[in-house]
């Protein structure tokens, strides 16, 4: 097992895990219901890819907005508003009548979800000690993949019992309930929460315990160049990650000739493997850091190794069309790529602790840009060739670029404050 701190931090992680779980349910439900929606609305594969990508247009842009708002005004209000946006837009998805309205609701959903993960990272900076942040990122991202894993069979069941339209109404209700829980339980300053013990508060760095939510003006001119290598790596990872989130249920359904329930079963297995990978990546990253003291090894090198393993698993998945071997290859690829996610998010906390919301927003925005392009490219290649695995050739090329770029992320070199930015001053790591 692994240590997660005292009762206060454990409860904090639990509440965040529930959020991450619901976040991915709302994100993946369209892919899970894609077959029914495509048939009902008469959409081509390219049009379905456009609907998938709509989410990421606003998701990418609202990363920066959400990160800045969370750094400036705190995670409590930011995440509550975000959850209400997920609730309303998910419910409205059940009322769409064509590509335009489907595109519109997914666009607004992306606004709410775009601000979410940077705001959550901002909350972790305040609540988690430095030596537990990799584990915290790993566990919370694991919860999101668990949400993705259960979405396919749950949506399949709801479609069978109700309809695809009512399935979105049921799922959207979960987001509204979580917003109420978050407002009631969370406080931006952990010192104001009765569940936090003196020992837990003492483990937090002094800069993280500040009652001041906003650290001042974000130094974008210095922050963006420092985050650029991380952004490139996350784009390369995100290209393939979004293909799994958007197209994998349909790939299993059509490429291997499965029915809806069997496709949902194998999709769930793939996302469960990703869930395990998220936790493993976070735990291993923090363990390496404790053993070596090197963030370059614990973050950058580990990320590169995970990407190499994911690339190696994609090659047979793309070339072998036998069902079990193909699905096993995709599942292993997703496991290894997800193992790199927690170290990636922890890099943003290592580079700029005082502006973790903005730093993580920059990184996640680059992944969202990949999510805009990759589903459409996948759908276009599919329409032109009829080959469900050929689009992953692009993934292999981008993963090679990302592997090389990991060297320049340098989480061992935190952003040093300039005299004009006293709010960024921080103690040595």
Protein backbone atom coordinates (compact mmCIF):
# COMPACT_ATOMS: atom_id res chain seq x y z
CA UNK A 1 0.00 0.00 0.00
CA UNK A 2 1.02 3.63 -0.03
CA UNK A 3 0.75 6.47 2.48
CA UNK A 4 -1.80 9.20 1.83
CA UNK A 5 -1.44 11.33 4.93
CA UNK A 6 -3.95 11.81 7.73
CA UNK A 7 -7.73 11.81 7.80
CA UNK A 8 -8.11 15.31 6.37
CA UNK A 9 -5.94 14.73 3.30
CA UNK A 10 -7.48 11.29 2.73
CA UNK A 11 -10.98 12.78 2.74
CA UNK A 12 -9.80 15.55 0.44
CA UNK A 13 -8.48 12.97 -2.05
CA UNK A 14 -11.73 11.01 -1.78
CA UNK A 15 -13.88 14.05 -2.64
CA UNK A 16 -11.58 14.87 -5.56
CA UNK A 17 -11.71 11.25 -6.75
CA UNK A 18 -15.50 11.44 -6.91
CA UNK A 19 -15.15 14.59 -9.02
CA UNK A 20 -12.63 13.03 -11.39
CA UNK A 21 -14.88 9.98 -11.73
CA UNK A 22 -17.92 12.09 -12.70
CA UNK A 23 -15.77 14.30 -14.93
CA UNK A 24 -14.88 11.40 -17.18
CA UNK A 25 -18.38 9.94 -17.11
CA UNK A 26 -19.59 13.23 -18.59
CA UNK A 27 -16.68 13.28 -21.04
CA UNK A 28 -16.89 9.69 -22.31
CA UNK A 29 -20.68 9.24 -22.37
CA UNK A 30 -20.89 10.58 -25.95
CA UNK A 31 -18.39 7.97 -27.17
CA UNK A 32 -20.24 5.24 -25.28
CA UNK A 33 -23.55 6.21 -26.93
CA UNK A 34 -21.99 7.09 -30.30
CA UNK A 35 -23.45 4.12 -32.17
CA UNK A 36 -27.03 4.94 -31.17
CA UNK A 37 -26.59 8.69 -31.65
CA UNK A 38 -24.93 8.29 -35.07
CA UNK A 39 -27.74 6.06 -36.29
CA UNK A 40 -30.53 8.24 -34.83
CA UNK A 41 -29.13 11.54 -36.12
CA UNK A 42 -27.77 10.17 -39.42
CA UNK A 43 -24.16 11.29 -38.90
CA UNK A 44 -21.18 10.19 -41.01
CA UNK A 45 -17.91 9.13 -39.35
CA UNK A 46 -16.38 12.50 -40.20
CA UNK A 47 -19.37 14.34 -38.69
CA UNK A 48 -19.15 12.19 -35.59
CA UNK A 49 -15.46 13.07 -35.33
CA UNK A 50 -16.41 16.77 -35.56
CA UNK A 51 -18.90 16.27 -32.72
CA UNK A 52 -16.19 14.57 -30.65
CA UNK A 53 -13.76 17.43 -31.29
CA UNK A 54 -16.24 20.19 -30.33
CA UNK A 55 -15.54 19.55 -26.66
CA UNK A 56 -11.85 20.32 -27.09
CA UNK A 57 -12.19 23.72 -28.77
CA UNK A 58 -13.52 25.26 -25.59
CA UNK A 59 -11.71 22.77 -23.34
CA UNK A 60 -8.36 24.02 -24.65
CA UNK A 61 -9.12 27.72 -24.33
CA UNK A 62 -10.76 27.48 -20.92
CA UNK A 63 -7.71 25.74 -19.46
CA UNK A 64 -5.98 29.10 -19.28
CA UNK A 65 -9.08 30.90 -18.05
CA UNK A 66 -9.79 28.27 -15.42
CA UNK A 67 -6.21 28.08 -14.23
CA UNK A 68 -6.02 31.84 -13.82
CA UNK A 69 -9.39 32.00 -12.02
CA UNK A 70 -8.40 29.18 -9.65
CA UNK A 71 -5.04 30.82 -8.88
CA UNK A 72 -6.77 34.14 -8.36
CA UNK A 73 -10.00 33.24 -6.56
CA UNK A 74 -9.54 29.69 -5.31
CA UNK A 75 -10.62 26.18 -6.23
CA UNK A 76 -13.79 26.06 -4.10
CA UNK A 77 -15.90 28.44 -6.16
CA UNK A 78 -14.23 27.53 -9.47
CA UNK A 79 -14.96 23.81 -9.22
CA UNK A 80 -18.52 24.28 -7.96
CA UNK A 81 -19.39 26.41 -11.00
CA UNK A 82 -17.64 23.92 -13.28
CA UNK A 83 -19.71 21.02 -11.94
CA UNK A 84 -22.95 22.89 -12.54
CA UNK A 85 -21.90 23.48 -16.16
CA UNK A 86 -21.26 19.75 -16.62
CA UNK A 87 -24.67 18.97 -15.12
CA UNK A 88 -26.66 21.28 -17.38
CA UNK A 89 -24.84 20.47 -20.62
CA UNK A 90 -24.89 16.72 -20.04
CA UNK A 91 -28.65 16.82 -19.50
CA UNK A 92 -29.13 18.99 -22.59
CA UNK A 93 -27.22 16.45 -24.70
CA UNK A 94 -30.30 14.27 -24.43
CA UNK A 95 -32.32 16.92 -26.29
CA UNK A 96 -30.07 17.45 -29.35
CA UNK A 97 -31.58 17.10 -32.81
CA UNK A 98 -28.56 17.13 -35.12
CA UNK A 99 -24.88 17.89 -35.58
CA UNK A 100 -25.22 21.62 -34.84
CA UNK A 101 -26.96 21.23 -31.48
CA UNK A 102 -24.71 18.31 -30.51
CA UNK A 103 -21.65 20.39 -31.36
CA UNK A 104 -23.03 23.30 -29.30
CA UNK A 105 -23.68 21.38 -26.07
CA UNK A 106 -20.32 19.64 -26.26
CA UNK A 107 -18.67 23.03 -26.81
CA UNK A 108 -20.21 24.39 -23.61
CA UNK A 109 -19.37 21.20 -21.72
CA UNK A 110 -15.74 21.78 -22.69
CA UNK A 111 -15.88 25.22 -21.07
CA UNK A 112 -16.85 23.72 -17.73
CA UNK A 113 -14.41 20.82 -17.90
CA UNK A 114 -11.59 22.99 -19.22
CA UNK A 115 -11.31 24.88 -15.95
CA UNK A 116 -11.61 21.78 -13.81
CA UNK A 117 -8.24 20.01 -13.74
CA UNK A 118 -6.16 23.21 -13.33
CA UNK A 119 -8.45 24.19 -10.44
CA UNK A 120 -8.06 20.74 -8.90
CA UNK A 121 -4.28 21.03 -9.19
CA UNK A 122 -4.49 24.39 -7.46
CA UNK A 123 -6.37 22.71 -4.61
CA UNK A 124 -3.72 19.98 -4.35
CA UNK A 125 -0.97 22.57 -3.98
CA UNK A 126 -2.69 23.87 -0.83
CA UNK A 127 -3.66 20.49 0.63
CA UNK A 128 -0.85 18.03 -0.25
CA UNK A 129 2.76 17.91 0.91
CA UNK A 130 5.38 17.81 -1.85
CA UNK A 131 6.27 14.15 -1.35
CA UNK A 132 2.65 13.01 -1.83
CA UNK A 133 1.69 15.00 -4.92
CA UNK A 134 2.59 12.29 -7.44
CA UNK A 135 0.49 9.76 -5.54
CA UNK A 136 -2.39 12.24 -5.28
CA UNK A 137 -2.30 12.95 -9.01
CA UNK A 138 -2.12 9.24 -9.76
CA UNK A 139 -5.08 8.26 -7.57
CA UNK A 140 -7.35 11.07 -8.75
CA UNK A 141 -6.58 10.39 -12.41
CA UNK A 142 -7.20 6.71 -11.73
CA UNK A 143 -10.68 7.66 -10.55
CA UNK A 144 -11.27 9.43 -13.85
CA UNK A 145 -10.32 6.30 -15.78
CA UNK A 146 -12.59 4.24 -13.54
CA UNK A 147 -15.35 6.63 -14.57
CA UNK A 148 -14.44 6.06 -18.21
CA UNK A 149 -14.42 2.30 -17.64
CA UNK A 150 -17.89 2.09 -16.11
CA UNK A 151 -19.45 4.60 -18.51
CA UNK A 152 -19.63 2.23 -21.49
CA UNK A 153 -21.58 -0.57 -19.74
CA UNK A 154 -23.70 1.90 -17.73
CA UNK A 155 -24.67 3.85 -20.84
CA UNK A 156 -25.33 0.60 -22.71
CA UNK A 157 -27.64 -0.47 -19.86
CA UNK A 158 -29.41 2.91 -19.72
CA UNK A 159 -29.91 2.90 -23.50
CA UNK A 160 -31.42 -0.57 -23.28
CA UNK A 161 -33.70 0.27 -20.35
CA UNK A 162 -34.53 3.91 -21.21
CA UNK A 163 -32.98 5.50 -24.31
CA UNK A 164 -29.75 7.23 -25.22
CA UNK A 165 -31.43 10.59 -24.57
CA UNK A 166 -32.53 9.75 -21.03
CA UNK A 167 -29.12 8.26 -20.25
CA UNK A 168 -27.64 11.77 -20.43
CA UNK A 169 -30.26 13.16 -18.05
CA UNK A 170 -29.48 10.48 -15.48
CA UNK A 171 -25.72 11.01 -15.72
CA UNK A 172 -25.97 14.80 -15.59
CA UNK A 173 -27.68 14.61 -12.20
CA UNK A 174 -24.46 13.23 -10.66
CA UNK A 175 -22.59 16.46 -11.43
CA UNK A 176 -25.17 18.63 -9.67
CA UNK A 177 -24.98 16.46 -6.56
CA UNK A 178 -21.19 16.69 -6.46
CA UNK A 179 -21.27 20.51 -6.69
CA UNK A 180 -23.34 20.58 -3.50
CA UNK A 181 -20.91 18.21 -1.75
CA UNK A 182 -17.89 20.30 -2.77
CA UNK A 183 -19.31 23.59 -1.55
CA UNK A 184 -20.29 22.03 1.76
CA UNK A 185 -17.02 20.20 2.46
CA UNK A 186 -14.06 22.00 0.86
CA UNK A 187 -12.15 25.09 2.01
CA UNK A 188 -9.39 26.76 -0.01
CA UNK A 189 -7.27 27.10 3.12
CA UNK A 190 -6.78 23.66 4.78
CA UNK A 191 -6.13 25.41 8.11
CA UNK A 192 -9.79 26.36 8.19
CA UNK A 193 -11.00 22.79 7.82
CA UNK A 194 -11.83 20.87 11.03
CA UNK A 195 -10.75 17.53 9.52
CA UNK A 196 -7.11 18.64 9.18
CA UNK A 197 -4.84 17.72 12.09
CA UNK A 198 -1.89 19.74 13.35
CA UNK A 199 0.48 17.05 12.06
CA UNK A 200 -1.00 17.26 8.57
CA UNK A 201 -0.74 21.04 8.47
CA UNK A 202 2.85 20.87 9.68
CA UNK A 203 3.76 18.67 6.68
CA UNK A 204 2.70 21.36 4.21
CA UNK A 205 5.40 23.75 2.92
CA UNK A 206 5.07 27.26 4.27
CA UNK A 207 4.30 28.70 0.82
CA UNK A 208 1.49 26.17 0.36
CA UNK A 209 -0.15 27.05 3.69
CA UNK A 210 -0.60 30.70 2.85
CA UNK A 211 -4.09 32.01 3.45
CA UNK A 212 -3.56 34.11 0.37
CA UNK A 213 -5.27 32.35 -2.54
CA UNK A 214 -3.85 34.48 -5.32
CA UNK A 215 -0.11 34.83 -5.73
CA UNK A 216 -0.41 37.94 -7.83
CA UNK A 217 -0.01 38.50 -11.54
CA UNK A 218 0.97 35.37 -13.45
CA UNK A 219 4.43 35.82 -15.09
CA UNK A 220 3.36 34.46 -18.45
CA UNK A 221 6.51 35.57 -20.31
CA UNK A 222 8.65 33.32 -18.14
CA UNK A 223 6.10 30.63 -17.43
CA UNK A 224 5.18 29.78 -21.04
CA UNK A 225 8.79 29.08 -22.23
CA UNK A 226 9.40 26.92 -19.15
CA UNK A 227 6.23 24.93 -19.81
CA UNK A 228 6.69 24.63 -23.59
CA UNK A 229 8.55 21.25 -23.57
CA UNK A 230 5.93 19.85 -21.18
CA UNK A 231 3.19 21.13 -23.46
CA UNK A 232 4.77 19.42 -26.49
CA UNK A 233 5.08 16.11 -24.65
CA UNK A 234 1.48 16.28 -23.42
CA UNK A 235 0.26 17.08 -26.94
CA UNK A 236 2.02 13.97 -28.23
CA UNK A 237 0.50 11.86 -25.44
CA UNK A 238 -2.90 13.52 -25.76
CA UNK A 239 -3.21 12.72 -29.47
CA UNK A 240 -3.44 9.00 -28.71
CA UNK A 241 -5.21 9.43 -25.37
CA UNK A 242 -8.11 11.24 -27.01
CA UNK A 243 -8.42 8.51 -29.63
CA UNK A 244 -9.00 6.04 -26.82
CA UNK A 245 -11.58 8.29 -25.15
CA UNK A 246 -13.51 9.09 -28.34
CA UNK A 247 -13.14 6.25 -30.83
CA UNK A 248 -12.22 3.11 -28.88
CA UNK A 249 -15.81 1.91 -28.20
CA UNK A 250 -16.61 2.23 -31.91
CA UNK A 251 -13.31 0.57 -32.89
CA UNK A 252 -14.07 -2.46 -30.76
CA UNK A 253 -17.63 -2.51 -32.09
CA UNK A 254 -16.76 -2.38 -35.80
CA UNK A 255 -13.15 -3.51 -36.22
CA UNK A 256 -13.70 -6.77 -34.36
CA UNK A 257 -17.39 -7.27 -35.20
CA UNK A 258 -18.61 -7.08 -31.60
CA UNK A 259 -22.10 -6.24 -30.38
CA UNK A 260 -22.81 -3.24 -28.13
CA UNK A 261 -22.48 -5.15 -24.85
CA UNK A 262 -19.24 -6.92 -25.83
CA UNK A 263 -17.76 -3.66 -27.09
CA UNK A 264 -18.68 -2.00 -23.79
CA UNK A 265 -17.05 -4.87 -21.89
CA UNK A 266 -13.72 -4.62 -23.71
CA UNK A 267 -13.78 -0.81 -23.57
CA UNK A 268 -14.24 -1.02 -19.79
CA UNK A 269 -11.29 -3.39 -19.53
CA UNK A 270 -9.07 -0.98 -21.43
CA UNK A 271 -10.04 1.96 -19.24
CA UNK A 272 -9.58 -0.13 -16.09
CA UNK A 273 -6.04 -0.86 -17.26
CA UNK A 274 -5.57 2.89 -17.61
CA UNK A 275 -6.90 3.37 -14.09
CA UNK A 276 -4.27 0.99 -12.72
CA UNK A 277 -1.62 2.73 -14.82
CA UNK A 278 -2.47 6.14 -13.36
CA UNK A 279 -2.01 4.92 -9.80
CA UNK A 280 1.14 2.94 -10.63
CA UNK A 281 2.70 5.95 -12.35
CA UNK A 282 2.07 8.26 -9.40
CA UNK A 283 3.28 5.77 -6.79
CA UNK A 284 6.41 4.82 -8.74
CA UNK A 285 7.25 8.45 -9.47
CA UNK A 286 7.15 9.46 -5.79
CA UNK A 287 9.03 6.29 -4.78
CA UNK A 288 11.81 7.07 -7.27
CA UNK A 289 11.95 10.65 -5.99
CA UNK A 290 12.35 9.47 -2.39
CA UNK A 291 15.06 6.99 -3.38
CA UNK A 292 17.08 9.18 -5.78
CA UNK A 293 16.14 12.74 -4.84
CA UNK A 294 16.10 13.51 -8.58
CA UNK A 295 13.00 14.99 -10.16
CA UNK A 296 14.54 14.56 -13.58
CA UNK A 297 14.64 10.78 -13.05
CA UNK A 298 11.38 10.48 -11.11
CA UNK A 299 9.39 12.58 -13.58
CA UNK A 300 11.05 13.08 -16.99
CA UNK A 301 12.84 9.74 -17.38
CA UNK A 302 9.86 7.79 -16.06
CA UNK A 303 7.56 9.56 -18.54
CA UNK A 304 9.90 8.70 -21.42
CA UNK A 305 10.03 5.02 -20.40
CA UNK A 306 6.23 4.85 -20.19
CA UNK A 307 5.86 6.41 -23.64
CA UNK A 308 8.36 3.97 -25.16
CA UNK A 309 6.41 1.05 -23.70
CA UNK A 310 3.11 2.48 -24.95
CA UNK A 311 4.52 2.94 -28.45
CA UNK A 312 5.83 -0.62 -28.47
CA UNK A 313 2.39 -1.96 -27.54
CA UNK A 314 0.63 0.09 -30.24
CA UNK A 315 2.62 -1.46 -33.09
CA UNK A 316 1.23 -5.01 -32.80
CA UNK A 317 -2.23 -3.62 -31.97
CA UNK A 318 -2.18 -1.73 -35.25
CA UNK A 319 -0.80 -4.59 -37.35
CA UNK A 320 -2.50 -7.63 -35.82
CA UNK A 321 -6.21 -7.90 -36.61
CA UNK A 322 -6.92 -10.94 -34.46
CA UNK A 323 -9.32 -9.79 -31.76
CA UNK A 324 -7.66 -10.93 -28.53
CA UNK A 325 -4.12 -9.92 -29.55
CA UNK A 326 -5.32 -6.61 -30.95
CA UNK A 327 -7.36 -5.68 -27.89
CA UNK A 328 -4.50 -6.78 -25.62
CA UNK A 329 -2.13 -4.48 -27.52
CA UNK A 330 -4.44 -1.48 -27.25
CA UNK A 331 -5.01 -2.18 -23.56
CA UNK A 332 -1.29 -2.39 -22.78
CA UNK A 333 -0.64 0.79 -24.77
CA UNK A 334 -3.28 2.63 -22.77
CA UNK A 335 -1.87 1.29 -19.48
CA UNK A 336 1.63 2.58 -20.22
CA UNK A 337 0.46 5.95 -21.58
CA UNK A 338 -1.70 6.49 -18.50
CA UNK A 339 1.27 5.59 -16.27
CA UNK A 340 2.88 8.79 -17.55
CA UNK A 341 -0.09 11.03 -16.68
CA UNK A 342 0.52 11.49 -12.93
CA UNK A 343 4.22 12.36 -13.39
CA UNK A 344 3.23 14.82 -16.13
CA UNK A 345 0.78 16.67 -13.88
CA UNK A 346 3.28 16.63 -11.02
CA UNK A 347 5.82 18.32 -13.30
CA UNK A 348 3.55 21.37 -13.42
CA UNK A 349 3.53 21.48 -9.62
CA UNK A 350 7.33 21.12 -9.48
CA UNK A 351 7.98 23.86 -12.03
CA UNK A 352 5.65 26.57 -10.63
CA UNK A 353 4.06 25.75 -7.26
CA UNK A 354 2.65 29.24 -6.74
CA UNK A 355 0.99 29.15 -10.17
CA UNK A 356 0.16 25.48 -10.46
CA UNK A 357 -3.29 26.29 -11.83
CA UNK A 358 -1.87 28.32 -14.70
CA UNK A 359 1.06 25.95 -15.34
CA UNK A 360 -1.16 22.87 -15.46
CA UNK A 361 -3.63 24.79 -17.64
CA UNK A 362 -0.94 25.42 -20.24
CA UNK A 363 -0.01 21.75 -20.32
CA UNK A 364 -3.56 20.45 -20.43
CA UNK A 365 -4.51 22.99 -23.11
CA UNK A 366 -1.91 21.46 -25.40
CA UNK A 367 -3.45 18.04 -24.83
CA UNK A 368 -6.86 19.50 -25.60
CA UNK A 369 -5.56 20.88 -28.91
CA UNK A 370 -4.55 17.33 -29.78
CA UNK A 371 -8.10 16.32 -28.85
CA UNK A 372 -9.50 18.84 -31.33
CA UNK A 373 -7.53 17.44 -34.26
CA UNK A 374 -7.05 13.72 -33.62
CA UNK A 375 -10.73 12.57 -33.56
CA UNK A 376 -11.41 14.38 -36.85
CA UNK A 377 -8.24 13.00 -38.47
CA UNK A 378 -9.21 9.52 -37.26
CA UNK A 379 -12.71 9.86 -38.74
CA UNK A 380 -11.37 11.22 -42.03
CA UNK A 381 -8.80 8.43 -42.44
CA UNK A 382 -11.51 5.92 -41.58
CA UNK A 383 -13.90 7.33 -44.19
CA UNK A 384 -11.15 7.29 -46.84
CA UNK A 385 -9.66 3.87 -46.11
CA UNK A 386 -12.15 1.91 -44.01
CA UNK A 387 -9.17 0.86 -41.85
CA UNK A 388 -9.81 1.24 -38.12
CA UNK A 389 -6.18 0.87 -36.99
CA UNK A 390 -4.29 2.86 -39.66
CA UNK A 391 -4.85 6.23 -37.87
CA UNK A 392 -2.61 5.02 -35.02
CA UNK A 393 0.40 5.37 -37.35
CA UNK A 394 0.23 9.11 -36.61
CA UNK A 395 0.26 8.27 -32.89
CA UNK A 396 3.51 6.34 -33.23
CA UNK A 397 5.24 9.25 -34.95
CA UNK A 398 4.09 11.77 -32.34
CA UNK A 399 5.06 9.53 -29.43
CA UNK A 400 8.62 9.41 -30.82
CA UNK A 401 8.70 13.22 -30.80
CA UNK A 402 7.37 13.30 -27.24
CA UNK A 403 9.92 10.79 -25.98
CA UNK A 404 12.81 12.96 -27.19
CA UNK A 405 11.25 16.16 -25.80
CA UNK A 406 10.95 14.81 -22.24
CA UNK A 407 14.62 15.70 -21.66
CA UNK A 408 13.85 19.44 -21.83
CA UNK A 409 10.97 19.50 -19.30
CA UNK A 410 13.40 19.89 -16.35
CA UNK A 411 11.15 19.62 -13.28
CA UNK A 412 14.38 19.79 -11.23
CA UNK A 413 14.72 23.47 -12.13
CA UNK A 414 11.80 25.33 -10.51
CA UNK A 415 10.85 28.73 -11.82
CA UNK A 416 12.89 31.30 -9.88
CA UNK A 417 11.26 34.56 -8.93
CA UNK A 418 12.38 37.76 -10.56
CA UNK A 419 12.51 40.90 -8.39
CA UNK A 420 9.34 42.16 -10.10
CA UNK A 421 7.47 38.97 -9.19
CA UNK A 422 7.91 38.63 -5.41
CA UNK A 423 4.81 36.45 -5.26
CA UNK A 424 6.68 33.70 -7.09
CA UNK A 425 9.50 33.52 -4.58
CA UNK A 426 9.84 30.04 -3.15
CA UNK A 427 12.10 28.06 -0.92
CA UNK A 428 14.64 25.76 -2.50
CA UNK A 429 13.42 22.26 -3.26
